[in-house]
């Protein structure tokens, strides 16, 4: 076990930034695969014709689809910047959809350590991923907050179970950490262009602003397993 970075030191690393070398190419197969995993059976995720009726050039990815490339992109951060913890427990995830992501998109993923807070003796660490398309427009922003814990805080049986569950080829246990000298890199200056493709909404579900107390929303049932 490696001792966790002290909070003041970790706070000095807020703003650490890098971009993943290879773009993530969104395929129809991946969209369907993810929709199946999260049990989202909206036709636009499965049928190209249904997506076309809504005005899209390919299958529409579920809102949380970016959690897959985001988790892979964050691996380096938790192995070389936010180090020394034996486990990271996710506490919150916020998605900002600037325009729908569709099959055929090529996403460039950025990673930034955006916040470190000390709450009740625990470090709450927020990482922000931004996804930019081939045209250079930001299409999606994702904020993930985790709490870093050490072996002293976790039941050994729970720690072992977590180490044996690998999600999307990412090691969630912060045990194998890099001891290389730390060097901070920050986001380069420049204008951010936000995609406007989702500004003109094609009605498919009720608008949040149109909802009123007493409205009945469609019921959706999902089956959860321990692996989920």
C-alpha atoms as a PDB file:
ATOM      1  CA  UNK A   1       0.000   0.000   0.000  1.00  0.00           C
ATOM      2  CA  UNK A   2       1.247   3.496  -0.840  1.00  0.00           C
ATOM      3  CA  UNK A   3       0.418   6.362   1.488  1.00  0.00           C
ATOM      4  CA  UNK A   4      -2.171   8.690  -0.059  1.00  0.00           C
ATOM      5  CA  UNK A   5      -1.102  12.117  -1.210  1.00  0.00           C
ATOM      6  CA  UNK A   6      -1.744  14.647   1.560  1.00  0.00           C
ATOM      7  CA  UNK A   7      -4.837  16.762   0.888  1.00  0.00           C
ATOM      8  CA  UNK A   8      -2.948  20.107   0.627  1.00  0.00           C
ATOM      9  CA  UNK A   9      -0.607  18.499  -1.916  1.00  0.00           C
ATOM     10  CA  UNK A  10      -3.501  16.951  -3.800  1.00  0.00           C
ATOM     11  CA  UNK A  11      -5.297  20.307  -3.869  1.00  0.00           C
ATOM     12  CA  UNK A  12      -2.234  21.816  -5.542  1.00  0.00           C
ATOM     13  CA  UNK A  13      -2.759  19.323  -8.358  1.00  0.00           C
ATOM     14  CA  UNK A  14      -6.269  20.608  -9.113  1.00  0.00           C
ATOM     15  CA  UNK A  15      -6.287  21.716 -12.726  1.00  0.00           C
ATOM     16  CA  UNK A  16      -4.047  18.864 -13.875  1.00  0.00           C
ATOM     17  CA  UNK A  17      -5.085  18.172 -17.455  1.00  0.00           C
ATOM     18  CA  UNK A  18      -4.316  15.874 -20.343  1.00  0.00           C
ATOM     19  CA  UNK A  19      -5.942  14.682 -23.553  1.00  0.00           C
ATOM     20  CA  UNK A  20      -6.190  11.022 -24.498  1.00  0.00           C
ATOM     21  CA  UNK A  21      -3.939  10.267 -27.455  1.00  0.00           C
ATOM     22  CA  UNK A  22      -6.376   8.202 -29.496  1.00  0.00           C
ATOM     23  CA  UNK A  23      -9.935   9.332 -30.339  1.00  0.00           C
ATOM     24  CA  UNK A  24     -12.871   7.145 -29.370  1.00  0.00           C
ATOM     25  CA  UNK A  25     -14.880   6.092 -32.411  1.00  0.00           C
ATOM     26  CA  UNK A  26     -18.571   5.568 -31.722  1.00  0.00           C
ATOM     27  CA  UNK A  27     -19.979   2.612 -33.631  1.00  0.00           C
ATOM     28  CA  UNK A  28     -23.518   1.351 -33.934  1.00  0.00           C
ATOM     29  CA  UNK A  29     -22.397  -1.904 -32.350  1.00  0.00           C
ATOM     30  CA  UNK A  30     -21.090  -0.067 -29.279  1.00  0.00           C
ATOM     31  CA  UNK A  31     -24.291   1.979 -29.003  1.00  0.00           C
ATOM     32  CA  UNK A  32     -26.456  -1.150 -29.049  1.00  0.00           C
ATOM     33  CA  UNK A  33     -24.110  -2.958 -26.673  1.00  0.00           C
ATOM     34  CA  UNK A  34     -24.300  -0.141 -24.132  1.00  0.00           C
ATOM     35  CA  UNK A  35     -28.058   0.279 -24.530  1.00  0.00           C
ATOM     36  CA  UNK A  36     -28.453  -3.431 -23.837  1.00  0.00           C
ATOM     37  CA  UNK A  37     -26.241  -3.177 -20.733  1.00  0.00           C
ATOM     38  CA  UNK A  38     -28.262  -0.303 -19.246  1.00  0.00           C
ATOM     39  CA  UNK A  39     -31.566  -1.779 -20.466  1.00  0.00           C
ATOM     40  CA  UNK A  40     -32.478   1.268 -22.527  1.00  0.00           C
ATOM     41  CA  UNK A  41     -34.743   0.101 -25.332  1.00  0.00           C
ATOM     42  CA  UNK A  42     -35.596   3.403 -26.980  1.00  0.00           C
ATOM     43  CA  UNK A  43     -35.770   2.666 -30.745  1.00  0.00           C
ATOM     44  CA  UNK A  44     -33.255   5.415 -31.568  1.00  0.00           C
ATOM     45  CA  UNK A  45     -30.553   3.365 -29.809  1.00  0.00           C
ATOM     46  CA  UNK A  46     -31.343   0.259 -31.830  1.00  0.00           C
ATOM     47  CA  UNK A  47     -32.856   1.107 -35.200  1.00  0.00           C
ATOM     48  CA  UNK A  48     -31.220   3.451 -37.710  1.00  0.00           C
ATOM     49  CA  UNK A  49     -34.582   4.269 -39.296  1.00  0.00           C
ATOM     50  CA  UNK A  50     -36.015   5.266 -35.911  1.00  0.00           C
ATOM     51  CA  UNK A  51     -33.012   7.512 -35.284  1.00  0.00           C
ATOM     52  CA  UNK A  52     -33.409   9.030 -38.753  1.00  0.00           C
ATOM     53  CA  UNK A  53     -37.046   9.888 -38.006  1.00  0.00           C
ATOM     54  CA  UNK A  54     -35.748  12.008 -35.124  1.00  0.00           C
ATOM     55  CA  UNK A  55     -33.299  13.724 -37.447  1.00  0.00           C
ATOM     56  CA  UNK A  56     -30.069  11.872 -36.615  1.00  0.00           C
ATOM     57  CA  UNK A  57     -27.532  10.423 -39.021  1.00  0.00           C
ATOM     58  CA  UNK A  58     -26.895   7.288 -36.953  1.00  0.00           C
ATOM     59  CA  UNK A  59     -27.933   5.434 -33.841  1.00  0.00           C
ATOM     60  CA  UNK A  60     -28.213   7.785 -30.871  1.00  0.00           C
ATOM     61  CA  UNK A  61     -26.070   6.861 -27.871  1.00  0.00           C
ATOM     62  CA  UNK A  62     -27.730   6.758 -24.422  1.00  0.00           C
ATOM     63  CA  UNK A  63     -26.962   9.816 -22.297  1.00  0.00           C
ATOM     64  CA  UNK A  64     -24.527   7.966 -20.019  1.00  0.00           C
ATOM     65  CA  UNK A  65     -22.647   6.308 -22.897  1.00  0.00           C
ATOM     66  CA  UNK A  66     -19.602   8.527 -22.278  1.00  0.00           C
ATOM     67  CA  UNK A  67     -18.961   6.800 -18.956  1.00  0.00           C
ATOM     68  CA  UNK A  68     -17.122   4.064 -20.908  1.00  0.00           C
ATOM     69  CA  UNK A  69     -14.475   6.178 -22.697  1.00  0.00           C
ATOM     70  CA  UNK A  70     -14.403   8.491 -19.673  1.00  0.00           C
ATOM     71  CA  UNK A  71     -13.469   5.704 -17.280  1.00  0.00           C
ATOM     72  CA  UNK A  72     -10.712   4.473 -19.581  1.00  0.00           C
ATOM     73  CA  UNK A  73      -9.401   8.023 -20.023  1.00  0.00           C
ATOM     74  CA  UNK A  74      -9.305   8.617 -16.265  1.00  0.00           C
ATOM     75  CA  UNK A  75      -7.131   5.607 -15.573  1.00  0.00           C
ATOM     76  CA  UNK A  76      -3.876   7.521 -15.988  1.00  0.00           C
ATOM     77  CA  UNK A  77      -5.073  10.206 -13.558  1.00  0.00           C
ATOM     78  CA  UNK A  78      -5.750   7.693 -10.794  1.00  0.00           C
ATOM     79  CA  UNK A  79      -2.472   5.877 -11.396  1.00  0.00           C
ATOM     80  CA  UNK A  80      -0.099   8.842 -11.509  1.00  0.00           C
ATOM     81  CA  UNK A  81      -1.778  11.989 -10.127  1.00  0.00           C
ATOM     82  CA  UNK A  82      -4.377  10.986  -7.534  1.00  0.00           C
ATOM     83  CA  UNK A  83      -2.397   8.150  -5.975  1.00  0.00           C
ATOM     84  CA  UNK A  84      -2.066   6.115  -2.818  1.00  0.00           C
ATOM     85  CA  UNK A  85      -5.646   5.018  -2.221  1.00  0.00           C
ATOM     86  CA  UNK A  86      -6.676   1.383  -2.155  1.00  0.00           C
ATOM     87  CA  UNK A  87     -10.157   1.988  -3.528  1.00  0.00           C
ATOM     88  CA  UNK A  88     -12.215   4.727  -5.145  1.00  0.00           C
ATOM     89  CA  UNK A  89     -15.925   4.761  -4.401  1.00  0.00           C
ATOM     90  CA  UNK A  90     -18.024   6.743  -6.842  1.00  0.00           C
ATOM     91  CA  UNK A  91     -20.432   9.111  -5.135  1.00  0.00           C
ATOM     92  CA  UNK A  92     -21.778  11.241  -7.982  1.00  0.00           C
ATOM     93  CA  UNK A  93     -21.787  11.552 -11.756  1.00  0.00           C
ATOM     94  CA  UNK A  94     -23.186  14.542 -13.659  1.00  0.00           C
ATOM     95  CA  UNK A  95     -23.699  14.535 -17.431  1.00  0.00           C
ATOM     96  CA  UNK A  96     -24.039  17.670 -19.583  1.00  0.00           C
ATOM     97  CA  UNK A  97     -25.266  16.802 -23.062  1.00  0.00           C
ATOM     98  CA  UNK A  98     -24.511  19.632 -25.487  1.00  0.00           C
ATOM     99  CA  UNK A  99     -25.712  17.602 -28.456  1.00  0.00           C
ATOM    100  CA  UNK A 100     -26.658  13.929 -28.847  1.00  0.00           C
ATOM    101  CA  UNK A 101     -23.764  11.593 -29.601  1.00  0.00           C
ATOM    102  CA  UNK A 102     -24.425   9.355 -32.598  1.00  0.00           C
ATOM    103  CA  UNK A 103     -22.765   6.397 -34.287  1.00  0.00           C
ATOM    104  CA  UNK A 104     -20.022   7.702 -36.540  1.00  0.00           C
ATOM    105  CA  UNK A 105     -18.843  10.363 -34.103  1.00  0.00           C
ATOM    106  CA  UNK A 106     -15.133  10.548 -33.342  1.00  0.00           C
ATOM    107  CA  UNK A 107     -14.666  11.801 -29.794  1.00  0.00           C
ATOM    108  CA  UNK A 108     -11.510  13.388 -28.422  1.00  0.00           C
ATOM    109  CA  UNK A 109     -11.478  13.008 -24.635  1.00  0.00           C
ATOM    110  CA  UNK A 110      -9.948  15.462 -22.160  1.00  0.00           C
ATOM    111  CA  UNK A 111      -9.310  14.734 -18.480  1.00  0.00           C
ATOM    112  CA  UNK A 112      -9.022  17.363 -15.749  1.00  0.00           C
ATOM    113  CA  UNK A 113      -8.750  17.107 -11.969  1.00  0.00           C
ATOM    114  CA  UNK A 114     -11.328  19.796 -11.266  1.00  0.00           C
ATOM    115  CA  UNK A 115     -11.904  19.662  -7.499  1.00  0.00           C
ATOM    116  CA  UNK A 116     -10.608  18.176  -4.240  1.00  0.00           C
ATOM    117  CA  UNK A 117     -12.604  18.615  -1.035  1.00  0.00           C
ATOM    118  CA  UNK A 118     -12.039  17.250   2.445  1.00  0.00           C
ATOM    119  CA  UNK A 119     -15.373  16.199   3.978  1.00  0.00           C
ATOM    120  CA  UNK A 120     -15.760  14.241   7.228  1.00  0.00           C
ATOM    121  CA  UNK A 121     -12.176  13.061   7.046  1.00  0.00           C
ATOM    122  CA  UNK A 122     -12.474  11.806   3.473  1.00  0.00           C
ATOM    123  CA  UNK A 123     -11.186  13.215   0.199  1.00  0.00           C
ATOM    124  CA  UNK A 124     -13.903  13.909  -2.372  1.00  0.00           C
ATOM    125  CA  UNK A 125     -12.208  14.053  -5.753  1.00  0.00           C
ATOM    126  CA  UNK A 126     -13.972  15.376  -8.866  1.00  0.00           C
ATOM    127  CA  UNK A 127     -12.731  14.660 -12.369  1.00  0.00           C
ATOM    128  CA  UNK A 128     -14.165  16.409 -15.425  1.00  0.00           C
ATOM    129  CA  UNK A 129     -14.128  14.814 -18.860  1.00  0.00           C
ATOM    130  CA  UNK A 130     -14.898  16.830 -21.958  1.00  0.00           C
ATOM    131  CA  UNK A 131     -15.663  15.174 -25.285  1.00  0.00           C
ATOM    132  CA  UNK A 132     -14.986  17.065 -28.511  1.00  0.00           C
ATOM    133  CA  UNK A 133     -16.038  15.952 -31.985  1.00  0.00           C
ATOM    134  CA  UNK A 134     -14.015  15.968 -35.197  1.00  0.00           C
ATOM    135  CA  UNK A 135     -15.196  19.519 -35.918  1.00  0.00           C
ATOM    136  CA  UNK A 136     -13.627  20.746 -32.674  1.00  0.00           C
ATOM    137  CA  UNK A 137     -16.938  21.329 -30.886  1.00  0.00           C
ATOM    138  CA  UNK A 138     -17.575  20.137 -27.351  1.00  0.00           C
ATOM    139  CA  UNK A 139     -20.491  17.719 -27.462  1.00  0.00           C
ATOM    140  CA  UNK A 140     -20.528  16.372 -23.916  1.00  0.00           C
ATOM    141  CA  UNK A 141     -19.157  17.142 -20.445  1.00  0.00           C
ATOM    142  CA  UNK A 142     -19.046  14.612 -17.610  1.00  0.00           C
ATOM    143  CA  UNK A 143     -18.197  15.259 -13.951  1.00  0.00           C
ATOM    144  CA  UNK A 144     -17.346  12.228 -11.794  1.00  0.00           C
ATOM    145  CA  UNK A 145     -16.853  12.471  -8.025  1.00  0.00           C
ATOM    146  CA  UNK A 146     -15.198   9.682  -6.063  1.00  0.00           C
ATOM    147  CA  UNK A 147     -14.067   9.295  -2.475  1.00  0.00           C
ATOM    148  CA  UNK A 148     -10.574   7.923  -1.976  1.00  0.00           C
ATOM    149  CA  UNK A 149     -10.241   5.377   0.815  1.00  0.00           C
ATOM    150  CA  UNK A 150      -7.351   3.311   2.150  1.00  0.00           C
ATOM    151  CA  UNK A 151      -7.184  -0.261   3.386  1.00  0.00           C
ATOM    152  CA  UNK A 152      -7.582   1.009   6.950  1.00  0.00           C
ATOM    153  CA  UNK A 153     -11.062   2.273   6.062  1.00  0.00           C
ATOM    154  CA  UNK A 154     -12.325  -0.792   4.201  1.00  0.00           C
ATOM    155  CA  UNK A 155     -13.217  -4.327   5.223  1.00  0.00           C
ATOM    156  CA  UNK A 156     -10.506  -6.592   3.699  1.00  0.00           C
ATOM    157  CA  UNK A 157     -13.157  -8.851   2.163  1.00  0.00           C
ATOM    158  CA  UNK A 158     -14.744  -5.863   0.413  1.00  0.00           C
ATOM    159  CA  UNK A 159     -11.358  -4.706  -0.857  1.00  0.00           C
ATOM    160  CA  UNK A 160     -10.609  -8.148  -2.300  1.00  0.00           C
ATOM    161  CA  UNK A 161     -14.009  -8.315  -3.986  1.00  0.00           C
ATOM    162  CA  UNK A 162     -13.531  -4.884  -5.547  1.00  0.00           C
ATOM    163  CA  UNK A 163     -10.070  -5.808  -6.869  1.00  0.00           C
ATOM    164  CA  UNK A 164     -11.566  -8.838  -8.586  1.00  0.00           C
ATOM    165  CA  UNK A 165     -14.164  -6.788 -10.450  1.00  0.00           C
ATOM    166  CA  UNK A 166     -12.633  -4.928 -13.388  1.00  0.00           C
ATOM    167  CA  UNK A 167     -14.973  -2.556 -15.226  1.00  0.00           C
ATOM    168  CA  UNK A 168     -14.075  -1.524 -18.782  1.00  0.00           C
ATOM    169  CA  UNK A 169     -10.459  -2.653 -18.265  1.00  0.00           C
ATOM    170  CA  UNK A 170      -9.889  -0.066 -15.525  1.00  0.00           C
ATOM    171  CA  UNK A 171      -8.192  -0.932 -12.247  1.00  0.00           C
ATOM    172  CA  UNK A 172     -10.372   0.778  -9.635  1.00  0.00           C
ATOM    173  CA  UNK A 173      -7.986  -0.055  -6.803  1.00  0.00           C
ATOM    174  CA  UNK A 174      -5.262   2.553  -6.446  1.00  0.00           C
ATOM    175  CA  UNK A 175      -2.591   0.105  -5.302  1.00  0.00           C
ATOM    176  CA  UNK A 176      -0.274  -0.075  -8.299  1.00  0.00           C
ATOM    177  CA  UNK A 177       0.679   3.588  -8.366  1.00  0.00           C
ATOM    178  CA  UNK A 178       3.470   5.313 -10.232  1.00  0.00           C
ATOM    179  CA  UNK A 179       6.392   6.665  -8.217  1.00  0.00           C
ATOM    180  CA  UNK A 180       7.670   8.830 -11.030  1.00  0.00           C
ATOM    181  CA  UNK A 181       8.228  12.517 -10.276  1.00  0.00           C
ATOM    182  CA  UNK A 182       5.002  14.459 -10.621  1.00  0.00           C
ATOM    183  CA  UNK A 183       4.770  17.189 -13.253  1.00  0.00           C
ATOM    184  CA  UNK A 184       1.624  19.277 -13.572  1.00  0.00           C
ATOM    185  CA  UNK A 185       0.164  19.954 -17.004  1.00  0.00           C
ATOM    186  CA  UNK A 186      -2.794  22.304 -17.458  1.00  0.00           C
ATOM    187  CA  UNK A 187      -5.430  22.933 -20.102  1.00  0.00           C
ATOM    188  CA  UNK A 188      -4.052  25.112 -22.901  1.00  0.00           C
ATOM    189  CA  UNK A 189      -5.616  28.521 -23.352  1.00  0.00           C
ATOM    190  CA  UNK A 190      -8.150  28.924 -26.118  1.00  0.00           C
ATOM    191  CA  UNK A 191     -11.799  29.389 -26.904  1.00  0.00           C
ATOM    192  CA  UNK A 192     -14.225  26.558 -26.246  1.00  0.00           C
ATOM    193  CA  UNK A 193     -16.846  25.933 -28.906  1.00  0.00           C
ATOM    194  CA  UNK A 194     -19.982  24.260 -27.582  1.00  0.00           C
ATOM    195  CA  UNK A 195     -21.938  22.172 -30.081  1.00  0.00           C
ATOM    196  CA  UNK A 196     -25.375  23.572 -30.860  1.00  0.00           C
ATOM    197  CA  UNK A 197     -26.746  20.469 -32.547  1.00  0.00           C
ATOM    198  CA  UNK A 198     -29.074  19.758 -29.651  1.00  0.00           C
ATOM    199  CA  UNK A 199     -30.358  23.301 -29.266  1.00  0.00           C
ATOM    200  CA  UNK A 200     -33.387  22.667 -31.491  1.00  0.00           C
ATOM    201  CA  UNK A 201     -35.021  19.823 -29.640  1.00  0.00           C
ATOM    202  CA  UNK A 202     -37.110  17.242 -31.488  1.00  0.00           C
ATOM    203  CA  UNK A 203     -39.894  16.316 -29.038  1.00  0.00           C
ATOM    204  CA  UNK A 204     -39.760  12.706 -27.936  1.00  0.00           C
ATOM    205  CA  UNK A 205     -40.220  13.083 -24.209  1.00  0.00           C
ATOM    206  CA  UNK A 206     -41.766  15.847 -22.072  1.00  0.00           C
ATOM    207  CA  UNK A 207     -39.702  18.979 -21.541  1.00  0.00           C
ATOM    208  CA  UNK A 208     -38.676  19.427 -17.915  1.00  0.00           C
ATOM    209  CA  UNK A 209     -40.005  23.002 -17.902  1.00  0.00           C
ATOM    210  CA  UNK A 210     -43.426  21.722 -18.993  1.00  0.00           C
ATOM    211  CA  UNK A 211     -43.800  19.237 -16.138  1.00  0.00           C
ATOM    212  CA  UNK A 212     -46.216  19.938 -13.307  1.00  0.00           C
ATOM    213  CA  UNK A 213     -46.882  18.360  -9.938  1.00  0.00           C
ATOM    214  CA  UNK A 214     -49.207  15.416 -10.460  1.00  0.00           C
ATOM    215  CA  UNK A 215     -48.000  14.527 -13.967  1.00  0.00           C
ATOM    216  CA  UNK A 216     -47.551  10.796 -14.481  1.00  0.00           C
ATOM    217  CA  UNK A 217     -44.334   9.745 -16.190  1.00  0.00           C
ATOM    218  CA  UNK A 218     -43.753   6.455 -18.004  1.00  0.00           C
ATOM    219  CA  UNK A 219     -42.668   3.601 -15.760  1.00  0.00           C
ATOM    220  CA  UNK A 220     -39.418   1.832 -16.603  1.00  0.00           C
ATOM    221  CA  UNK A 221     -38.356  -1.426 -14.970  1.00  0.00           C
ATOM    222  CA  UNK A 222     -34.740  -2.592 -14.916  1.00  0.00           C
ATOM    223  CA  UNK A 223     -33.234  -5.808 -13.599  1.00  0.00           C
ATOM    224  CA  UNK A 224     -30.065  -5.314 -11.535  1.00  0.00           C
ATOM    225  CA  UNK A 225     -27.434  -7.909 -10.776  1.00  0.00           C
ATOM    226  CA  UNK A 226     -24.528  -7.840  -8.356  1.00  0.00           C
ATOM    227  CA  UNK A 227     -22.157  -7.138 -11.229  1.00  0.00           C
ATOM    228  CA  UNK A 228     -24.071  -3.972 -12.137  1.00  0.00           C
END
